[in-house]
């Protein structure tokens, strides 16, 4: 893919934030962005890296009326020896194409997806924070831009990538968070689009998230839409329960996002000596397991947070406190993943993608 790079003057360049650990997640953006257009006649075309700017849209653009939109999230890291690394970007490309197919949008070749990120990140590498635990967050997005009112797939699309230097997703860092269990509202159903990364899923979660934060909780844990009984996922994370030496997570059922960090934990954990299991798990089983000590740890996984220890679940007016708030299994998995991502441990899985040097 040929990417045209528009020149950027020094006057157009913003000062880099001194302390990214204090940044609110996703509030500061770099100087440049990648854009590429699509229409049914030409396919993907006009790939370029240009100054970060507002996007001009027709008021009748399909994305504004029919929510044809998908996105991804991944990070770039700096290793101790100055290498710029990404974690499994091909998996993000594949997942975005899976989302595109479900939302009747054009797929992007995996190699083009990765190339666009690589060239943009290397141009913006001064923005990558150097402290461990910080990163450059990468947000690829596709929106429908055809200006027409009518419920059918758009014939025109815009794919863009923006970058944001970030500290920890949770201000507390690698510290326990408390989760509110939603037992009435519904985020997604099997057969819908709960298992693809589209904006509507997140819009559907906002009401419960606001309610949870008003009560002092960090995130919402969603139950299945039919029986309000089975565990699905947390708002920004997949969820895992530790039964001694066994790690259990809800099986993908069509309404749970197939997280890349989730996938990595399931692949990594057996090599660390843990058994893994994907299955239906009810809220009753979880609460009883927390109370009787069978469940020794609970943690969430996601690109933004990586691994988030969970110290309690609040369900129907009662808090259930996890015995080991930051347990040994959670620590081991977190440390192994972080060390692989930052190039401090041998990557036996081929997960790390090297972009270049600082």
Protein backbone atom coordinates (compact mmCIF):
# COMPACT_ATOMS: atom_id res chain seq x y z
CA UNK A 1 0.00 0.00 0.00
CA UNK A 2 1.33 3.43 -0.96
CA UNK A 3 0.78 5.94 1.86
CA UNK A 4 1.17 9.63 1.09
CA UNK A 5 2.65 11.57 4.03
CA UNK A 6 1.70 15.23 4.18
CA UNK A 7 4.42 17.47 5.64
CA UNK A 8 3.95 18.90 9.10
CA UNK A 9 5.69 22.09 10.21
CA UNK A 10 7.24 22.57 13.65
CA UNK A 11 4.54 25.14 14.40
CA UNK A 12 1.93 22.40 13.93
CA UNK A 13 3.56 20.13 16.50
CA UNK A 14 2.19 20.14 20.03
CA UNK A 15 4.30 19.76 23.16
CA UNK A 16 4.49 16.22 24.50
CA UNK A 17 2.82 15.72 27.89
CA UNK A 18 5.48 15.46 30.60
CA UNK A 19 3.81 12.91 32.87
CA UNK A 20 1.57 10.45 30.99
CA UNK A 21 0.92 8.50 34.19
CA UNK A 22 -1.32 11.40 35.24
CA UNK A 23 -3.26 11.58 31.97
CA UNK A 24 -6.93 10.77 31.84
CA UNK A 25 -7.17 7.84 29.44
CA UNK A 26 -7.71 8.90 25.83
CA UNK A 27 -7.82 12.68 26.28
CA UNK A 28 -4.58 13.81 24.57
CA UNK A 29 -3.87 13.07 20.89
CA UNK A 30 -0.75 13.24 18.76
CA UNK A 31 0.00 15.54 15.82
CA UNK A 32 -0.90 13.19 12.97
CA UNK A 33 -3.60 10.74 11.91
CA UNK A 34 -3.96 8.14 9.16
CA UNK A 35 -6.96 8.25 6.79
CA UNK A 36 -8.09 6.08 3.89
CA UNK A 37 -11.29 6.18 1.85
CA UNK A 38 -13.46 3.49 0.30
CA UNK A 39 -16.23 3.38 -2.27
CA UNK A 40 -17.74 0.50 -4.18
CA UNK A 41 -16.23 1.66 -7.48
CA UNK A 42 -12.59 2.19 -6.42
CA UNK A 43 -12.25 0.08 -3.30
CA UNK A 44 -9.76 1.38 -0.74
CA UNK A 45 -7.86 4.43 -1.96
CA UNK A 46 -6.23 7.74 -0.99
CA UNK A 47 -4.25 6.41 1.98
CA UNK A 48 -2.43 9.23 3.73
CA UNK A 49 -0.94 10.44 6.97
CA UNK A 50 -1.94 14.01 7.66
CA UNK A 51 -2.32 16.52 10.47
CA UNK A 52 -4.73 15.49 13.23
CA UNK A 53 -7.88 17.44 12.48
CA UNK A 54 -11.69 17.36 12.69
CA UNK A 55 -13.45 15.12 10.21
CA UNK A 56 -15.98 16.76 7.89
CA UNK A 57 -19.16 14.73 7.47
CA UNK A 58 -22.36 15.29 5.55
CA UNK A 59 -25.32 15.59 7.96
CA UNK A 60 -26.89 12.67 6.08
CA UNK A 61 -23.86 10.37 6.55
CA UNK A 62 -24.99 6.82 7.30
CA UNK A 63 -22.89 6.55 10.46
CA UNK A 64 -24.91 9.35 12.08
CA UNK A 65 -28.27 7.71 11.39
CA UNK A 66 -27.71 3.96 11.23
CA UNK A 67 -24.59 3.49 13.39
CA UNK A 68 -22.42 1.69 10.85
CA UNK A 69 -19.17 2.03 12.81
CA UNK A 70 -16.47 -0.30 14.10
CA UNK A 71 -13.17 0.23 15.89
CA UNK A 72 -10.19 -1.45 17.51
CA UNK A 73 -7.76 -0.67 20.31
CA UNK A 74 -4.11 -1.65 20.69
CA UNK A 75 -0.90 -0.16 22.06
CA UNK A 76 2.71 0.61 21.18
CA UNK A 77 5.39 0.23 23.86
CA UNK A 78 9.04 1.16 24.27
CA UNK A 79 11.40 -1.53 25.54
CA UNK A 80 14.37 -0.83 27.82
CA UNK A 81 16.72 -1.08 24.84
CA UNK A 82 14.73 1.46 22.81
CA UNK A 83 12.72 -0.82 20.53
CA UNK A 84 9.15 0.14 19.63
CA UNK A 85 6.84 -2.84 20.03
CA UNK A 86 3.21 -3.78 19.50
CA UNK A 87 1.32 -6.77 20.89
CA UNK A 88 -0.43 -9.06 18.38
CA UNK A 89 -1.56 -6.38 15.90
CA UNK A 90 -2.56 -9.03 13.35
CA UNK A 91 -5.19 -10.25 15.82
CA UNK A 92 -6.67 -6.75 15.96
CA UNK A 93 -6.73 -6.64 12.16
CA UNK A 94 -8.53 -10.00 11.99
CA UNK A 95 -11.04 -8.97 14.63
CA UNK A 96 -11.73 -5.69 12.85
CA UNK A 97 -12.42 -7.58 9.65
CA UNK A 98 -14.75 -9.89 11.54
CA UNK A 99 -16.58 -6.82 12.85
CA UNK A 100 -16.65 -5.34 9.34
CA UNK A 101 -18.24 -8.46 7.91
CA UNK A 102 -20.98 -8.47 10.56
CA UNK A 103 -21.70 -4.75 10.03
CA UNK A 104 -21.73 -5.05 6.19
CA UNK A 105 -18.57 -2.96 5.85
CA UNK A 106 -15.50 -3.54 3.63
CA UNK A 107 -12.63 -5.55 5.04
CA UNK A 108 -9.08 -4.17 5.19
CA UNK A 109 -6.15 -6.42 4.23
CA UNK A 110 -4.28 -7.40 7.39
CA UNK A 111 -0.96 -6.27 5.94
CA UNK A 112 -2.41 -2.83 5.10
CA UNK A 113 -3.88 -2.46 8.59
CA UNK A 114 -0.51 -3.21 10.20
CA UNK A 115 1.46 -1.09 7.71
CA UNK A 116 -0.74 1.96 8.33
CA UNK A 117 -0.24 1.67 12.09
CA UNK A 118 3.50 1.11 11.73
CA UNK A 119 4.11 4.15 9.54
CA UNK A 120 1.92 6.41 11.67
CA UNK A 121 3.45 5.29 14.97
CA UNK A 122 7.01 5.67 13.67
CA UNK A 123 6.26 9.24 12.56
CA UNK A 124 4.76 9.95 16.01
CA UNK A 125 7.26 7.99 18.10
CA UNK A 126 8.23 11.02 20.20
CA UNK A 127 4.78 10.68 21.77
CA UNK A 128 5.33 7.13 23.09
CA UNK A 129 5.77 7.31 26.89
CA UNK A 130 8.86 5.53 28.20
CA UNK A 131 7.69 4.51 31.68
CA UNK A 132 6.64 0.91 32.16
CA UNK A 133 2.88 0.78 32.50
CA UNK A 134 2.38 3.59 29.99
CA UNK A 135 1.94 3.28 26.23
CA UNK A 136 0.77 4.90 23.03
CA UNK A 137 -2.85 3.86 22.57
CA UNK A 138 -3.85 3.21 18.95
CA UNK A 139 -7.47 3.58 17.84
CA UNK A 140 -8.28 2.34 14.29
CA UNK A 141 -11.87 3.23 13.32
CA UNK A 142 -14.13 2.79 10.30
CA UNK A 143 -17.30 4.82 9.70
CA UNK A 144 -19.95 4.87 6.97
CA UNK A 145 -19.90 8.20 5.14
CA UNK A 146 -22.35 7.93 2.25
CA UNK A 147 -24.83 10.84 2.54
CA UNK A 148 -28.12 9.03 2.09
CA UNK A 149 -31.15 8.39 4.28
CA UNK A 150 -32.16 4.78 3.90
CA UNK A 151 -31.61 1.66 5.96
CA UNK A 152 -29.01 -0.18 3.89
CA UNK A 153 -25.22 -0.53 3.94
CA UNK A 154 -23.28 2.54 2.94
CA UNK A 155 -21.38 2.60 -0.35
CA UNK A 156 -18.66 4.88 1.08
CA UNK A 157 -16.43 4.57 4.16
CA UNK A 158 -13.63 6.32 5.97
CA UNK A 159 -10.96 4.37 7.84
CA UNK A 160 -8.82 6.42 10.21
CA UNK A 161 -6.28 5.85 12.97
CA UNK A 162 -5.57 8.22 15.84
CA UNK A 163 -3.00 7.92 18.63
CA UNK A 164 -3.10 8.88 22.30
CA UNK A 165 -0.33 8.63 24.95
CA UNK A 166 -1.81 6.94 28.01
CA UNK A 167 -1.08 5.94 31.56
CA UNK A 168 -3.04 3.24 33.40
CA UNK A 169 -6.68 2.80 32.34
CA UNK A 170 -7.67 2.82 36.00
CA UNK A 171 -6.15 5.64 38.05
CA UNK A 172 -5.33 3.11 40.77
CA UNK A 173 -3.08 1.22 38.34
CA UNK A 174 -2.60 -2.48 39.15
CA UNK A 175 -4.85 -2.29 42.18
CA UNK A 176 -8.19 -3.97 42.89
CA UNK A 177 -11.40 -2.53 41.43
CA UNK A 178 -14.98 -3.07 42.57
CA UNK A 179 -17.59 -4.23 40.08
CA UNK A 180 -21.35 -3.62 39.96
CA UNK A 181 -23.38 -6.60 38.70
CA UNK A 182 -26.28 -5.45 36.50
CA UNK A 183 -29.28 -7.75 36.91
CA UNK A 184 -31.96 -5.93 34.88
CA UNK A 185 -30.52 -3.96 31.94
CA UNK A 186 -29.20 -5.77 28.87
CA UNK A 187 -26.16 -4.95 26.73
CA UNK A 188 -26.28 -7.63 24.04
CA UNK A 189 -27.90 -10.92 23.01
CA UNK A 190 -26.62 -13.95 21.07
CA UNK A 191 -27.31 -13.37 17.40
CA UNK A 192 -26.91 -9.62 17.80
CA UNK A 193 -23.68 -7.65 17.58
CA UNK A 194 -22.41 -8.04 21.13
CA UNK A 195 -19.42 -10.02 19.91
CA UNK A 196 -18.17 -7.34 17.50
CA UNK A 197 -16.45 -4.09 18.37
CA UNK A 198 -19.07 -1.60 17.26
CA UNK A 199 -19.99 1.67 18.95
CA UNK A 200 -23.61 0.73 19.55
CA UNK A 201 -22.60 -1.93 22.05
CA UNK A 202 -20.88 0.68 24.16
CA UNK A 203 -23.74 3.15 23.83
CA UNK A 204 -26.06 0.42 25.16
CA UNK A 205 -23.84 0.05 28.22
CA UNK A 206 -23.68 3.73 29.22
CA UNK A 207 -26.83 3.91 31.35
CA UNK A 208 -25.74 1.05 33.58
CA UNK A 209 -22.17 2.41 33.71
CA UNK A 210 -23.38 5.80 34.94
CA UNK A 211 -25.57 4.10 37.53
CA UNK A 212 -22.63 2.00 38.71
CA UNK A 213 -20.27 4.97 39.00
CA UNK A 214 -22.85 6.92 40.98
CA UNK A 215 -22.75 4.06 43.46
CA UNK A 216 -18.94 4.12 43.56
CA UNK A 217 -18.08 1.21 41.27
CA UNK A 218 -15.50 1.12 38.47
CA UNK A 219 -17.25 -1.10 35.94
CA UNK A 220 -20.41 -3.09 35.22
CA UNK A 221 -20.54 -6.87 35.01
CA UNK A 222 -23.20 -7.98 32.53
CA UNK A 223 -25.33 -11.10 32.81
CA UNK A 224 -27.01 -12.95 29.94
CA UNK A 225 -30.02 -11.24 28.40
CA UNK A 226 -32.45 -14.18 28.61
CA UNK A 227 -32.19 -15.41 32.21
CA UNK A 228 -30.07 -12.68 33.84
CA UNK A 229 -28.18 -15.57 35.35
CA UNK A 230 -24.99 -16.31 33.45
CA UNK A 231 -21.83 -14.21 33.57
CA UNK A 232 -20.85 -12.52 30.29
CA UNK A 233 -18.30 -9.69 30.45
CA UNK A 234 -17.39 -6.46 32.18
CA UNK A 235 -17.92 -3.16 30.32
CA UNK A 236 -14.33 -2.80 29.10
CA UNK A 237 -12.98 -6.26 29.92
CA UNK A 238 -13.47 -9.99 29.79
CA UNK A 239 -13.60 -11.64 33.21
CA UNK A 240 -11.79 -14.61 34.81
CA UNK A 241 -12.38 -16.54 38.03
CA UNK A 242 -9.60 -18.46 39.78
CA UNK A 243 -10.47 -21.74 41.49
CA UNK A 244 -7.15 -22.63 43.12
CA UNK A 245 -5.04 -23.77 40.16
CA UNK A 246 -7.86 -23.50 37.60
CA UNK A 247 -8.79 -20.34 35.69
CA UNK A 248 -12.37 -20.18 34.39
CA UNK A 249 -13.87 -17.65 31.97
CA UNK A 250 -17.28 -17.50 30.25
CA UNK A 251 -17.36 -19.31 26.92
CA UNK A 252 -17.83 -17.12 23.85
CA UNK A 253 -21.53 -17.35 23.05
CA UNK A 254 -22.17 -14.71 20.41
CA UNK A 255 -22.73 -11.81 22.81
CA UNK A 256 -19.25 -11.66 24.39
CA UNK A 257 -16.39 -9.79 22.71
CA UNK A 258 -13.50 -12.16 21.90
CA UNK A 259 -10.78 -10.16 23.62
CA UNK A 260 -7.19 -10.44 22.43
CA UNK A 261 -5.87 -10.22 25.99
CA UNK A 262 -8.44 -12.90 26.93
CA UNK A 263 -7.11 -15.12 24.14
CA UNK A 264 -3.53 -14.48 25.28
CA UNK A 265 -4.30 -15.43 28.90
CA UNK A 266 -5.93 -18.68 27.78
CA UNK A 267 -2.84 -19.50 25.71
CA UNK A 268 -0.29 -18.38 28.31
CA UNK A 269 -1.82 -19.81 31.51
CA UNK A 270 -1.28 -23.53 30.74
CA UNK A 271 2.42 -22.88 30.17
CA UNK A 272 2.53 -21.27 33.62
CA UNK A 273 1.07 -24.40 35.19
CA UNK A 274 -2.60 -23.42 35.38
CA UNK A 275 -5.61 -25.27 34.01
CA UNK A 276 -8.02 -23.19 31.93
CA UNK A 277 -11.71 -23.69 31.23
CA UNK A 278 -14.23 -21.85 29.08
CA UNK A 279 -17.83 -22.59 30.10
CA UNK A 280 -21.14 -21.25 31.31
CA UNK A 281 -20.77 -19.86 34.79
CA UNK A 282 -23.71 -18.51 36.75
CA UNK A 283 -23.75 -15.54 39.09
CA UNK A 284 -24.98 -17.88 41.87
CA UNK A 285 -21.96 -20.13 41.41
CA UNK A 286 -19.64 -17.14 41.49
CA UNK A 287 -21.14 -15.58 44.61
CA UNK A 288 -21.17 -18.92 46.44
CA UNK A 289 -17.60 -19.55 45.32
CA UNK A 290 -16.47 -16.20 46.68
CA UNK A 291 -18.26 -16.82 49.99
CA UNK A 292 -16.99 -20.36 50.56
CA UNK A 293 -13.47 -19.61 49.32
CA UNK A 294 -13.54 -21.85 46.24
CA UNK A 295 -13.03 -18.77 44.08
CA UNK A 296 -9.74 -17.34 45.32
CA UNK A 297 -9.23 -14.55 42.77
CA UNK A 298 -11.16 -12.58 40.15
CA UNK A 299 -9.61 -10.45 37.41
CA UNK A 300 -10.54 -8.68 34.19
CA UNK A 301 -8.58 -8.56 30.94
CA UNK A 302 -8.52 -6.02 28.09
CA UNK A 303 -6.18 -3.95 25.94
CA UNK A 304 -6.77 -0.76 27.91
CA UNK A 305 -6.42 -2.22 31.40
CA UNK A 306 -4.41 -5.39 30.49
CA UNK A 307 -5.07 -7.22 33.80
CA UNK A 308 -7.32 -5.66 36.45
CA UNK A 309 -7.65 -7.38 39.83
CA UNK A 310 -11.24 -7.36 41.12
CA UNK A 311 -11.76 -7.24 44.88
CA UNK A 312 -15.55 -7.36 45.13
CA UNK A 313 -18.81 -7.86 43.25
CA UNK A 314 -21.90 -5.89 44.24
CA UNK A 315 -25.12 -7.77 43.49
CA UNK A 316 -28.66 -6.88 44.55
CA UNK A 317 -27.65 -4.62 47.41
CA UNK A 318 -24.82 -6.74 48.80
CA UNK A 319 -21.04 -6.78 48.35
CA UNK A 320 -19.19 -10.06 47.96
CA UNK A 321 -15.53 -9.63 48.90
CA UNK A 322 -12.90 -11.71 47.13
CA UNK A 323 -10.51 -13.36 49.61
CA UNK A 324 -7.28 -12.62 47.74
CA UNK A 325 -7.78 -9.12 46.38
CA UNK A 326 -4.63 -9.24 44.28
CA UNK A 327 -3.85 -12.93 44.24
CA UNK A 328 -0.74 -14.78 43.16
CA UNK A 329 -2.25 -16.12 39.94
CA UNK A 330 -3.31 -12.62 38.87
CA UNK A 331 0.16 -11.26 39.65
CA UNK A 332 1.96 -14.03 37.75
CA UNK A 333 -0.18 -13.61 34.62
CA UNK A 334 0.06 -9.82 34.75
CA UNK A 335 3.84 -9.84 35.14
CA UNK A 336 4.37 -12.38 32.37
CA UNK A 337 2.16 -10.48 29.92
CA UNK A 338 3.69 -7.10 30.75
CA UNK A 339 7.21 -8.44 30.41
CA UNK A 340 6.41 -9.92 27.00
CA UNK A 341 4.76 -6.71 25.82
CA UNK A 342 7.68 -4.52 26.89
CA UNK A 343 10.30 -6.89 25.47
CA UNK A 344 11.67 -7.87 28.90
CA UNK A 345 10.88 -11.58 28.56
CA UNK A 346 11.44 -14.06 25.77
CA UNK A 347 8.50 -14.06 23.38
CA UNK A 348 8.00 -17.77 22.76
CA UNK A 349 4.63 -17.18 21.09
CA UNK A 350 5.55 -14.70 18.36
CA UNK A 351 3.16 -12.13 19.86
CA UNK A 352 5.45 -9.10 19.78
CA UNK A 353 5.68 -7.07 16.59
CA UNK A 354 8.73 -4.80 16.34
CA UNK A 355 8.12 -1.50 14.53
CA UNK A 356 11.60 -0.01 14.75
CA UNK A 357 13.76 1.91 17.19
CA UNK A 358 13.16 5.09 19.15
